């Protein structure tokens, strides 16, 4: 039986893993895992967001999102330049998932159930890419294109998570 295994993603030879852009873009190597790197990066974001919200509150998490976006924009641009394809959105670049997932969680307190719902909602929007997320992905190139579609997915997921949280709070208080 000949079973071919998909080889794990590899960084461009001109960009070692120790380069800050590689570390940031792959979220410290998470993007180099061969199966479901975006989902794993979103999962890895959950405890980070939890700790930031617990210790620094909403402002801390918003600073994390802005920092992840800015660093991700730079790192994604470096990756795209090293790959040599401005239209590329390499699967190993997962800092966009980190920023989008963290943005989703900004609308709720740290709570296991709420973070799980936020994770599922963000992954659905990120994978299915309904309009205008798909439009952002198609029209915006380079590092900005890599980052923006996940930020928009995070906004959509945050809106849905806010509605869920509101209904959940209302339901709990009604009974």
Protein backbone atom coordinates (compact mmCIF):
# COMPACT_ATOMS: atom_id res chain seq x y z
CA UNK A 1 0.00 0.00 0.00
CA UNK A 2 1.48 3.30 -1.10
CA UNK A 3 0.32 6.09 1.18
CA UNK A 4 1.79 9.47 0.39
CA UNK A 5 2.10 11.88 3.26
CA UNK A 6 1.91 15.59 2.72
CA UNK A 7 5.24 17.08 3.67
CA UNK A 8 5.18 19.83 6.26
CA UNK A 9 5.33 23.41 4.98
CA UNK A 10 8.84 24.77 4.60
CA UNK A 11 10.11 28.28 4.95
CA UNK A 12 11.86 29.81 1.94
CA UNK A 13 15.56 28.91 2.06
CA UNK A 14 16.45 32.60 2.24
CA UNK A 15 14.46 33.03 5.46
CA UNK A 16 15.68 30.99 8.44
CA UNK A 17 13.29 30.10 11.25
CA UNK A 18 15.32 32.31 13.59
CA UNK A 19 14.40 35.40 11.53
CA UNK A 20 11.84 37.53 13.40
CA UNK A 21 9.53 37.59 10.35
CA UNK A 22 9.49 33.77 10.22
CA UNK A 23 8.84 33.49 13.96
CA UNK A 24 6.00 36.02 13.85
CA UNK A 25 4.42 34.87 10.59
CA UNK A 26 4.35 31.22 11.70
CA UNK A 27 3.37 32.13 15.29
CA UNK A 28 6.54 30.58 16.63
CA UNK A 29 6.33 27.53 14.37
CA UNK A 30 2.63 26.73 14.63
CA UNK A 31 2.22 27.44 10.91
CA UNK A 32 4.87 24.84 10.09
CA UNK A 33 2.69 21.99 11.39
CA UNK A 34 1.44 20.10 8.35
CA UNK A 35 -2.19 19.61 9.38
CA UNK A 36 -4.58 22.47 10.07
CA UNK A 37 -2.04 25.22 10.84
CA UNK A 38 -4.69 27.98 10.87
CA UNK A 39 -6.93 26.07 13.25
CA UNK A 40 -3.99 25.27 15.51
CA UNK A 41 -2.92 28.93 15.54
CA UNK A 42 -6.47 29.94 16.50
CA UNK A 43 -6.42 27.35 19.28
CA UNK A 44 -3.03 28.58 20.47
CA UNK A 45 -4.46 32.09 20.67
CA UNK A 46 -7.16 31.11 23.18
CA UNK A 47 -4.94 30.75 26.27
CA UNK A 48 -2.96 33.84 25.26
CA UNK A 49 -6.15 35.88 25.01
CA UNK A 50 -7.42 34.43 28.29
CA UNK A 51 -4.27 35.41 30.17
CA UNK A 52 -4.14 38.87 28.60
CA UNK A 53 -7.82 39.54 29.42
CA UNK A 54 -7.37 38.21 32.96
CA UNK A 55 -4.25 40.25 33.70
CA UNK A 56 -4.66 43.38 31.53
CA UNK A 57 -8.34 43.52 30.59
CA UNK A 58 -9.89 44.58 27.31
CA UNK A 59 -7.30 47.31 26.68
CA UNK A 60 -4.53 44.74 26.96
CA UNK A 61 -6.24 42.42 24.48
CA UNK A 62 -6.86 45.29 22.06
CA UNK A 63 -3.17 46.24 22.27
CA UNK A 64 -2.32 42.59 21.55
CA UNK A 65 -4.61 42.60 18.47
CA UNK A 66 -3.10 45.85 17.16
CA UNK A 67 0.43 44.59 17.81
CA UNK A 68 -0.29 41.22 16.17
CA UNK A 69 -1.79 43.03 13.18
CA UNK A 70 1.14 45.44 12.79
CA UNK A 71 3.80 42.76 13.31
CA UNK A 72 1.83 40.37 11.12
CA UNK A 73 1.61 42.93 8.34
CA UNK A 74 5.38 43.33 8.35
CA UNK A 75 6.10 39.59 8.70
CA UNK A 76 3.56 38.64 6.02
CA UNK A 77 5.08 41.14 3.60
CA UNK A 78 8.54 39.68 4.24
CA UNK A 79 7.21 36.14 3.66
CA UNK A 80 5.44 37.12 0.44
CA UNK A 81 8.58 38.87 -0.83
CA UNK A 82 10.74 35.85 0.00
CA UNK A 83 8.29 33.50 -1.73
CA UNK A 84 8.15 35.86 -4.69
CA UNK A 85 4.38 35.89 -5.16
CA UNK A 86 2.48 39.03 -4.11
CA UNK A 87 -0.86 37.21 -4.46
CA UNK A 88 0.18 34.33 -2.22
CA UNK A 89 -1.37 33.58 1.14
CA UNK A 90 0.98 30.86 2.35
CA UNK A 91 -0.64 28.38 4.73
CA UNK A 92 2.36 28.62 7.03
CA UNK A 93 1.57 32.30 7.70
CA UNK A 94 -0.83 32.09 10.65
CA UNK A 95 -0.31 35.40 12.45
CA UNK A 96 -3.46 36.56 10.65
CA UNK A 97 -5.45 33.85 12.46
CA UNK A 98 -3.92 34.95 15.76
CA UNK A 99 -5.00 38.58 15.24
CA UNK A 100 -8.47 37.65 13.97
CA UNK A 101 -9.13 35.14 16.74
CA UNK A 102 -7.99 37.57 19.43
CA UNK A 103 -10.19 40.29 17.94
CA UNK A 104 -13.18 37.94 18.12
CA UNK A 105 -12.60 37.38 21.83
CA UNK A 106 -12.47 41.09 22.67
CA UNK A 107 -16.25 41.19 23.07
CA UNK A 108 -16.59 38.62 25.87
CA UNK A 109 -15.06 37.98 29.29
CA UNK A 110 -12.70 35.02 29.67
CA UNK A 111 -15.08 32.07 29.84
CA UNK A 112 -14.48 28.55 28.55
CA UNK A 113 -17.83 28.24 26.77
CA UNK A 114 -17.69 31.74 25.28
CA UNK A 115 -14.13 31.21 24.04
CA UNK A 116 -15.16 27.90 22.48
CA UNK A 117 -18.10 29.57 20.69
CA UNK A 118 -15.78 32.42 19.61
CA UNK A 119 -13.26 29.90 18.28
CA UNK A 120 -15.91 28.05 16.26
CA UNK A 121 -17.41 31.27 14.89
CA UNK A 122 -14.03 32.67 13.86
CA UNK A 123 -12.98 29.44 12.16
CA UNK A 124 -16.31 29.27 10.28
CA UNK A 125 -15.97 32.82 8.97
CA UNK A 126 -12.28 32.32 8.18
CA UNK A 127 -12.83 29.04 6.31
CA UNK A 128 -16.12 29.83 4.53
CA UNK A 129 -15.15 33.44 3.74
CA UNK A 130 -18.59 34.92 3.04
CA UNK A 131 -18.78 38.33 1.35
CA UNK A 132 -17.04 40.77 2.06
CA UNK A 133 -14.30 38.53 3.49
CA UNK A 134 -13.90 36.80 0.12
CA UNK A 135 -13.73 40.19 -1.60
CA UNK A 136 -10.92 41.31 0.71
CA UNK A 137 -9.01 38.11 0.05
CA UNK A 138 -9.45 38.42 -3.73
CA UNK A 139 -8.70 42.13 -4.12
CA UNK A 140 -6.07 42.98 -1.53
CA UNK A 141 -2.64 41.50 -2.16
CA UNK A 142 0.56 41.14 -0.18
CA UNK A 143 0.83 41.20 3.57
CA UNK A 144 -2.20 43.48 3.91
CA UNK A 145 -4.33 40.99 1.99
CA UNK A 146 -3.15 38.16 4.21
CA UNK A 147 -4.05 40.09 7.35
CA UNK A 148 -7.23 41.96 6.39
CA UNK A 149 -9.47 39.03 5.49
CA UNK A 150 -8.88 37.50 8.93
CA UNK A 151 -9.52 40.81 10.67
CA UNK A 152 -12.84 41.09 8.80
CA UNK A 153 -13.61 37.46 9.72
CA UNK A 154 -12.80 38.40 13.32
CA UNK A 155 -15.19 41.37 13.18
CA UNK A 156 -18.02 39.20 11.82
CA UNK A 157 -17.32 36.51 14.43
CA UNK A 158 -17.19 39.16 17.19
CA UNK A 159 -20.59 40.52 16.14
CA UNK A 160 -22.10 37.02 16.22
CA UNK A 161 -20.38 36.24 19.52
CA UNK A 162 -21.74 39.49 21.00
CA UNK A 163 -25.26 38.52 19.95
CA UNK A 164 -24.77 35.05 21.39
CA UNK A 165 -23.45 36.51 24.66
CA UNK A 166 -26.34 38.98 24.90
CA UNK A 167 -28.95 36.24 24.31
CA UNK A 168 -27.15 33.92 26.72
CA UNK A 169 -27.05 36.60 29.44
CA UNK A 170 -30.72 37.43 28.85
CA UNK A 171 -31.68 33.76 29.00
CA UNK A 172 -29.73 33.20 32.22
CA UNK A 173 -31.25 36.26 33.89
CA UNK A 174 -34.77 35.34 32.73
CA UNK A 175 -34.66 32.01 34.49
